[in-house]
Amino acid sequence: MIFTKRLTGRGQTRQFTVERHTASGWIARDQEDDATRTSVIRDWRHVEAAIALFELEAMALRNDGWAEVTQ
């Protein structure tokens, strides 16, 4: 796992992950309870952009009162 962040708030859970996916690239995943958005990324610059976006979204959730879950 290259990146993972999990937050809870308002009775919901949201998890952001980026992981290596065989030789074809990486998988970026944004999960929110019953909804999942998944992207296959083939370029490292796009991986960095996805991680930066996930960090910003997680920061916005924390500012809204959500708590980060440590594993």
PDB file of N, CA and C in Angstrom:
ATOM      1  N   MET A   1       0.853  -1.165   0.000  1.00  0.00           N
ATOM      2  CA  MET A   1       0.000   0.000   0.000  1.00  0.00           C
ATOM      3  C   MET A   1       0.907   1.239   0.000  1.00  0.00           C
ATOM      4  N   ILE A   2       0.720   2.093  -0.987  1.00  0.00           N
ATOM      5  CA  ILE A   2       1.519   3.310  -1.073  1.00  0.00           C
ATOM      6  C   ILE A   2       0.946   4.398  -0.180  1.00  0.00           C
ATOM      7  N   PHE A   3      -0.396   4.468  -0.120  1.00  0.00           N
ATOM      8  CA  PHE A   3      -1.062   5.514   0.660  1.00  0.00           C
ATOM      9  C   PHE A   3      -2.372   4.965   1.183  1.00  0.00           C
ATOM     10  N   THR A   4      -2.667   5.258   2.434  1.00  0.00           N
ATOM     11  CA  THR A   4      -3.969   4.909   2.988  1.00  0.00           C
ATOM     12  C   THR A   4      -4.323   5.902   4.087  1.00  0.00           C
ATOM     13  N   LYS A   5      -5.569   6.314   4.091  1.00  0.00           N
ATOM     14  CA  LYS A   5      -6.067   7.228   5.116  1.00  0.00           C
ATOM     15  C   LYS A   5      -7.540   6.906   5.315  1.00  0.00           C
ATOM     16  N   ARG A   6      -7.929   6.739   6.583  1.00  0.00           N
ATOM     17  CA  ARG A   6      -9.311   6.384   6.919  1.00  0.00           C
ATOM     18  C   ARG A   6      -9.840   7.363   7.947  1.00  0.00           C
ATOM     19  N   LEU A   7     -11.040   7.878   7.695  1.00  0.00           N
ATOM     20  CA  LEU A   7     -11.650   8.845   8.600  1.00  0.00           C
ATOM     21  C   LEU A   7     -13.084   8.453   8.903  1.00  0.00           C
ATOM     22  N   THR A   8     -13.561   8.862  10.082  1.00  0.00           N
ATOM     23  CA  THR A   8     -14.949   8.620  10.457  1.00  0.00           C
ATOM     24  C   THR A   8     -15.566   9.923  10.940  1.00  0.00           C
ATOM     25  N   GLY A   9     -16.850  10.062  10.669  1.00  0.00           N
ATOM     26  CA  GLY A   9     -17.581  11.237  11.132  1.00  0.00           C
ATOM     27  C   GLY A   9     -19.036  11.132  10.707  1.00  0.00           C
ATOM     28  N   ARG A  10     -19.920  11.652  11.556  1.00  0.00           N
ATOM     29  CA  ARG A  10     -21.354  11.650  11.253  1.00  0.00           C
ATOM     30  C   ARG A  10     -21.891  10.258  10.940  1.00  0.00           C
ATOM     31  N   GLY A  11     -21.336   9.265  11.622  1.00  0.00           N
ATOM     32  CA  GLY A  11     -21.796   7.895  11.423  1.00  0.00           C
ATOM     33  C   GLY A  11     -21.345   7.265  10.118  1.00  0.00           C
ATOM     34  N   GLN A  12     -20.391   7.876   9.441  1.00  0.00           N
ATOM     35  CA  GLN A  12     -19.893   7.369   8.171  1.00  0.00           C
ATOM     36  C   GLN A  12     -18.403   7.114   8.259  1.00  0.00           C
ATOM     37  N   THR A  13     -17.900   6.323   7.320  1.00  0.00           N
ATOM     38  CA  THR A  13     -16.466   6.050   7.201  1.00  0.00           C
ATOM     39  C   THR A  13     -16.048   6.350   5.771  1.00  0.00           C
ATOM     40  N   ARG A  14     -14.894   6.979   5.632  1.00  0.00           N
ATOM     41  CA  ARG A  14     -14.348   7.265   4.296  1.00  0.00           C
ATOM     42  C   ARG A  14     -12.891   6.834   4.290  1.00  0.00           C
ATOM     43  N   GLN A  15     -12.496   6.112   3.260  1.00  0.00           N
ATOM     44  CA  GLN A  15     -11.119   5.623   3.163  1.00  0.00           C
ATOM     45  C   GLN A  15     -10.562   5.931   1.784  1.00  0.00           C
ATOM     46  N   PHE A  16      -9.328   6.433   1.788  1.00  0.00           N
ATOM     47  CA  PHE A  16      -8.602   6.742   0.565  1.00  0.00           C
ATOM     48  C   PHE A  16      -7.399   5.816   0.500  1.00  0.00           C
ATOM     49  N   THR A  17      -7.192   5.155  -0.639  1.00  0.00           N
ATOM     50  CA  THR A  17      -6.031   4.277  -0.780  1.00  0.00           C
ATOM     51  C   THR A  17      -5.432   4.406  -2.178  1.00  0.00           C
ATOM     52  N   VAL A  18      -4.120   4.213  -2.234  1.00  0.00           N
ATOM     53  CA  VAL A  18      -3.408   4.072  -3.503  1.00  0.00           C
ATOM     54  C   VAL A  18      -2.502   2.869  -3.325  1.00  0.00           C
ATOM     55  N   GLU A  19      -2.582   1.923  -4.264  1.00  0.00           N
ATOM     56  CA  GLU A  19      -1.760   0.727  -4.167  1.00  0.00           C
ATOM     57  C   GLU A  19      -1.264   0.305  -5.543  1.00  0.00           C
ATOM     58  N   ARG A  20      -0.180  -0.427  -5.540  1.00  0.00           N
ATOM     59  CA  ARG A  20       0.400  -0.935  -6.785  1.00  0.00           C
ATOM     60  C   ARG A  20      -0.528  -1.992  -7.363  1.00  0.00           C
ATOM     61  N   HIS A  21      -0.697  -1.976  -8.659  1.00  0.00           N
ATOM     62  CA  HIS A  21      -1.555  -2.940  -9.333  1.00  0.00           C
ATOM     63  C   HIS A  21      -0.753  -3.621 -10.435  1.00  0.00           C
ATOM     64  N   THR A  22      -0.137  -4.704 -10.123  1.00  0.00           N
ATOM     65  CA  THR A  22       0.705  -5.488 -11.038  1.00  0.00           C
ATOM     66  C   THR A  22       1.558  -4.589 -11.927  1.00  0.00           C
ATOM     67  N   ALA A  23       1.736  -4.961 -13.159  1.00  0.00           N
ATOM     68  CA  ALA A  23       2.591  -4.187 -14.063  1.00  0.00           C
ATOM     69  C   ALA A  23       1.844  -3.050 -14.747  1.00  0.00           C
ATOM     70  N   SER A  24       0.522  -3.017 -14.597  1.00  0.00           N
ATOM     71  CA  SER A  24      -0.260  -2.024 -15.330  1.00  0.00           C
ATOM     72  C   SER A  24      -0.299  -0.654 -14.657  1.00  0.00           C
ATOM     73  N   GLY A  25       0.152  -0.536 -13.437  1.00  0.00           N
ATOM     74  CA  GLY A  25       0.147   0.772 -12.777  1.00  0.00           C
ATOM     75  C   GLY A  25      -0.298   0.700 -11.334  1.00  0.00           C
ATOM     76  N   TRP A  26      -1.150   1.627 -10.955  1.00  0.00           N
ATOM     77  CA  TRP A  26      -1.616   1.769  -9.584  1.00  0.00           C
ATOM     78  C   TRP A  26      -3.129   1.911  -9.575  1.00  0.00           C
ATOM     79  N   ILE A  27      -3.717   1.588  -8.430  1.00  0.00           N
ATOM     80  CA  ILE A  27      -5.153   1.748  -8.225  1.00  0.00           C
ATOM     81  C   ILE A  27      -5.351   2.819  -7.159  1.00  0.00           C
ATOM     82  N   ALA A  28      -6.138   3.850  -7.472  1.00  0.00           N
ATOM     83  CA  ALA A  28      -6.535   4.865  -6.494  1.00  0.00           C
ATOM     84  C   ALA A  28      -7.999   4.612  -6.174  1.00  0.00           C
ATOM     85  N   ARG A  29      -8.311   4.532  -4.875  1.00  0.00           N
ATOM     86  CA  ARG A  29      -9.666   4.169  -4.469  1.00  0.00           C
ATOM     87  C   ARG A  29     -10.157   5.120  -3.382  1.00  0.00           C
ATOM     88  N   ASP A  30     -11.369   5.613  -3.568  1.00  0.00           N
ATOM     89  CA  ASP A  30     -12.050   6.476  -2.592  1.00  0.00           C
ATOM     90  C   ASP A  30     -13.327   5.745  -2.207  1.00  0.00           C
ATOM     91  N   GLN A  31     -13.369   5.234  -0.968  1.00  0.00           N
ATOM     92  CA  GLN A  31     -14.520   4.464  -0.498  1.00  0.00           C
ATOM     93  C   GLN A  31     -15.267   5.244   0.564  1.00  0.00           C
ATOM     94  N   GLU A  32     -16.581   5.285   0.419  1.00  0.00           N
ATOM     95  CA  GLU A  32     -17.430   5.917   1.423  1.00  0.00           C
ATOM     96  C   GLU A  32     -18.602   4.998   1.683  1.00  0.00           C
ATOM     97  N   ASP A  33     -18.525   4.252   2.776  1.00  0.00           N
ATOM     98  CA  ASP A  33     -19.535   3.263   3.148  1.00  0.00           C
ATOM     99  C   ASP A  33     -19.903   2.376   1.957  1.00  0.00           C
ATOM    100  N   ASP A  34     -21.000   2.650   1.269  1.00  0.00           N
ATOM    101  CA  ASP A  34     -21.442   1.746   0.203  1.00  0.00           C
ATOM    102  C   ASP A  34     -21.066   2.211  -1.206  1.00  0.00           C
ATOM    103  N   ALA A  35     -20.344   3.315  -1.336  1.00  0.00           N
ATOM    104  CA  ALA A  35     -19.932   3.822  -2.651  1.00  0.00           C
ATOM    105  C   ALA A  35     -18.410   3.773  -2.779  1.00  0.00           C
ATOM    106  N   THR A  36     -17.935   3.328  -3.939  1.00  0.00           N
ATOM    107  CA  THR A  36     -16.489   3.257  -4.186  1.00  0.00           C
ATOM    108  C   THR A  36     -16.188   3.849  -5.550  1.00  0.00           C
ATOM    109  N   ARG A  37     -15.200   4.740  -5.577  1.00  0.00           N
ATOM    110  CA  ARG A  37     -14.700   5.291  -6.826  1.00  0.00           C
ATOM    111  C   ARG A  37     -13.275   4.787  -7.009  1.00  0.00           C
ATOM    112  N   THR A  38     -13.021   4.130  -8.144  1.00  0.00           N
ATOM    113  CA  THR A  38     -11.725   3.516  -8.398  1.00  0.00           C
ATOM    114  C   THR A  38     -11.164   4.014  -9.722  1.00  0.00           C
ATOM    115  N   SER A  39      -9.860   4.302  -9.715  1.00  0.00           N
ATOM    116  CA  SER A  39      -9.173   4.727 -10.936  1.00  0.00           C
ATOM    117  C   SER A  39      -7.909   3.905 -11.111  1.00  0.00           C
ATOM    118  N   VAL A  40      -7.636   3.519 -12.343  1.00  0.00           N
ATOM    119  CA  VAL A  40      -6.363   2.884 -12.671  1.00  0.00           C
ATOM    120  C   VAL A  40      -5.460   3.983 -13.206  1.00  0.00           C
ATOM    121  N   ILE A  41      -4.263   4.087 -12.625  1.00  0.00           N
ATOM    122  CA  ILE A  41      -3.319   5.143 -12.990  1.00  0.00           C
ATOM    123  C   ILE A  41      -2.063   4.495 -13.536  1.00  0.00           C
ATOM    124  N   ARG A  42      -1.581   4.998 -14.645  1.00  0.00           N
ATOM    125  CA  ARG A  42      -0.412   4.407 -15.279  1.00  0.00           C
ATOM    126  C   ARG A  42       0.825   5.305 -15.226  1.00  0.00           C
ATOM    127  N   ASP A  43       0.691   6.500 -14.717  1.00  0.00           N
ATOM    128  CA  ASP A  43       1.780   7.468 -14.701  1.00  0.00           C
ATOM    129  C   ASP A  43       2.032   7.927 -13.264  1.00  0.00           C
ATOM    130  N   TRP A  44       3.302   7.908 -12.847  1.00  0.00           N
ATOM    131  CA  TRP A  44       3.623   8.256 -11.457  1.00  0.00           C
ATOM    132  C   TRP A  44       3.185   9.674 -11.089  1.00  0.00           C
ATOM    133  N   ARG A  45       3.253  10.618 -12.028  1.00  0.00           N
ATOM    134  CA  ARG A  45       2.816  11.991 -11.724  1.00  0.00           C
ATOM    135  C   ARG A  45       1.338  12.027 -11.365  1.00  0.00           C
ATOM    136  N   HIS A  46       0.549  11.167 -11.990  1.00  0.00           N
ATOM    137  CA  HIS A  46      -0.870  11.103 -11.656  1.00  0.00           C
ATOM    138  C   HIS A  46      -1.095  10.432 -10.301  1.00  0.00           C
ATOM    139  N   VAL A  47      -0.216   9.518  -9.939  1.00  0.00           N
ATOM    140  CA  VAL A  47      -0.273   8.922  -8.600  1.00  0.00           C
ATOM    141  C   VAL A  47      -0.039  10.013  -7.558  1.00  0.00           C
ATOM    142  N   GLU A  48       0.990  10.827  -7.772  1.00  0.00           N
ATOM    143  CA  GLU A  48       1.277  11.930  -6.842  1.00  0.00           C
ATOM    144  C   GLU A  48       0.104  12.902  -6.759  1.00  0.00           C
ATOM    145  N   ALA A  49      -0.523  13.175  -7.890  1.00  0.00           N
ATOM    146  CA  ALA A  49      -1.676  14.080  -7.896  1.00  0.00           C
ATOM    147  C   ALA A  49      -2.854  13.476  -7.137  1.00  0.00           C
ATOM    148  N   ALA A  50      -3.087  12.181  -7.301  1.00  0.00           N
ATOM    149  CA  ALA A  50      -4.176  11.507  -6.588  1.00  0.00           C
ATOM    150  C   ALA A  50      -3.940  11.547  -5.079  1.00  0.00           C
ATOM    151  N   ILE A  51      -2.703  11.309  -4.665  1.00  0.00           N
ATOM    152  CA  ILE A  51      -2.380  11.362  -3.234  1.00  0.00           C
ATOM    153  C   ILE A  51      -2.585  12.772  -2.691  1.00  0.00           C
ATOM    154  N   ALA A  52      -2.149  13.772  -3.436  1.00  0.00           N
ATOM    155  CA  ALA A  52      -2.328  15.167  -3.000  1.00  0.00           C
ATOM    156  C   ALA A  52      -3.815  15.502  -2.870  1.00  0.00           C
ATOM    157  N   LEU A  53      -4.619  15.047  -3.820  1.00  0.00           N
ATOM    158  CA  LEU A  53      -6.061  15.284  -3.761  1.00  0.00           C
ATOM    159  C   LEU A  53      -6.678  14.580  -2.556  1.00  0.00           C
ATOM    160  N   PHE A  54      -6.280  13.332  -2.314  1.00  0.00           N
ATOM    161  CA  PHE A  54      -6.785  12.607  -1.144  1.00  0.00           C
ATOM    162  C   PHE A  54      -6.399  13.316   0.153  1.00  0.00           C
ATOM    163  N   GLU A  55      -5.172  13.830   0.225  1.00  0.00           N
ATOM    164  CA  GLU A  55      -4.742  14.573   1.424  1.00  0.00           C
ATOM    165  C   GLU A  55      -5.620  15.804   1.639  1.00  0.00           C
ATOM    166  N   LEU A  56      -5.926  16.532   0.564  1.00  0.00           N
ATOM    167  CA  LEU A  56      -6.781  17.714   0.673  1.00  0.00           C
ATOM    168  C   LEU A  56      -8.194  17.342   1.109  1.00  0.00           C
ATOM    169  N   GLU A  57      -8.739  16.279   0.546  1.00  0.00           N
ATOM    170  CA  GLU A  57     -10.081  15.847   0.931  1.00  0.00           C
ATOM    171  C   GLU A  57     -10.116  15.398   2.391  1.00  0.00           C
ATOM    172  N   ALA A  58      -9.072  14.693   2.826  1.00  0.00           N
ATOM    173  CA  ALA A  58      -8.996  14.262   4.228  1.00  0.00           C
ATOM    174  C   ALA A  58      -8.880  15.467   5.160  1.00  0.00           C
ATOM    175  N   MET A  59      -8.106  16.473   4.761  1.00  0.00           N
ATOM    176  CA  MET A  59      -7.966  17.678   5.572  1.00  0.00           C
ATOM    177  C   MET A  59      -9.316  18.403   5.696  1.00  0.00           C
ATOM    178  N   ALA A  60     -10.058  18.472   4.606  1.00  0.00           N
ATOM    179  CA  ALA A  60     -11.378  19.107   4.638  1.00  0.00           C
ATOM    180  C   ALA A  60     -12.317  18.349   5.573  1.00  0.00           C
ATOM    181  N   LEU A  61     -12.260  17.020   5.549  1.00  0.00           N
ATOM    182  CA  LEU A  61     -13.092  16.233   6.454  1.00  0.00           C
ATOM    183  C   LEU A  61     -12.691  16.452   7.912  1.00  0.00           C
ATOM    184  N   ARG A  62     -11.368  16.474   8.190  1.00  0.00           N
ATOM    185  CA  ARG A  62     -10.914  16.737   9.565  1.00  0.00           C
ATOM    186  C   ARG A  62     -11.365  18.117  10.030  1.00  0.00           C
ATOM    187  N   ASN A  63     -11.300  19.101   9.146  1.00  0.00           N
ATOM    188  CA  ASN A  63     -11.752  20.453   9.498  1.00  0.00           C
ATOM    189  C   ASN A  63     -13.249  20.497   9.758  1.00  0.00           C
ATOM    190  N   ASP A  64     -13.974  19.526   9.224  1.00  0.00           N
ATOM    191  CA  ASP A  64     -15.412  19.431   9.409  1.00  0.00           C
ATOM    192  C   ASP A  64     -15.771  18.551  10.599  1.00  0.00           C
ATOM    193  N   GLY A  65     -14.753  18.137  11.380  1.00  0.00           N
ATOM    194  CA  GLY A  65     -15.016  17.384  12.596  1.00  0.00           C
ATOM    195  C   GLY A  65     -14.810  15.888  12.503  1.00  0.00           C
ATOM    196  N   TRP A  66     -14.411  15.384  11.347  1.00  0.00           N
ATOM    197  CA  TRP A  66     -14.145  13.956  11.210  1.00  0.00           C
ATOM    198  C   TRP A  66     -12.843  13.605  11.914  1.00  0.00           C
ATOM    199  N   ALA A  67     -12.697  12.353  12.334  1.00  0.00           N
ATOM    200  CA  ALA A  67     -11.495  11.898  13.030  1.00  0.00           C
ATOM    201  C   ALA A  67     -10.791  10.841  12.187  1.00  0.00           C
ATOM    202  N   GLU A  68      -9.457  10.922  12.172  1.00  0.00           N
ATOM    203  CA  GLU A  68      -8.684   9.935  11.435  1.00  0.00           C
ATOM    204  C   GLU A  68      -8.571   8.661  12.275  1.00  0.00           C
ATOM    205  N   VAL A  69      -8.777   7.533  11.634  1.00  0.00           N
ATOM    206  CA  VAL A  69      -8.687   6.232  12.298  1.00  0.00           C
ATOM    207  C   VAL A  69      -7.281   5.694  12.053  1.00  0.00           C
ATOM    208  N   THR A  70      -6.553   5.429  13.129  1.00  0.00           N
ATOM    209  CA  THR A  70      -5.221   4.842  13.000  1.00  0.00           C
ATOM    210  C   THR A  70      -5.340   3.345  13.205  1.00  0.00           C
ATOM    211  N   GLN A  71      -4.549   2.611  12.463  1.00  0.00           N
ATOM    212  CA  GLN A  71      -4.678   1.163  12.509  1.00  0.00           C
ATOM    213  C   GLN A  71      -3.630   0.515  13.322  1.00  0.00           C
TER     214      GLN A  71
END
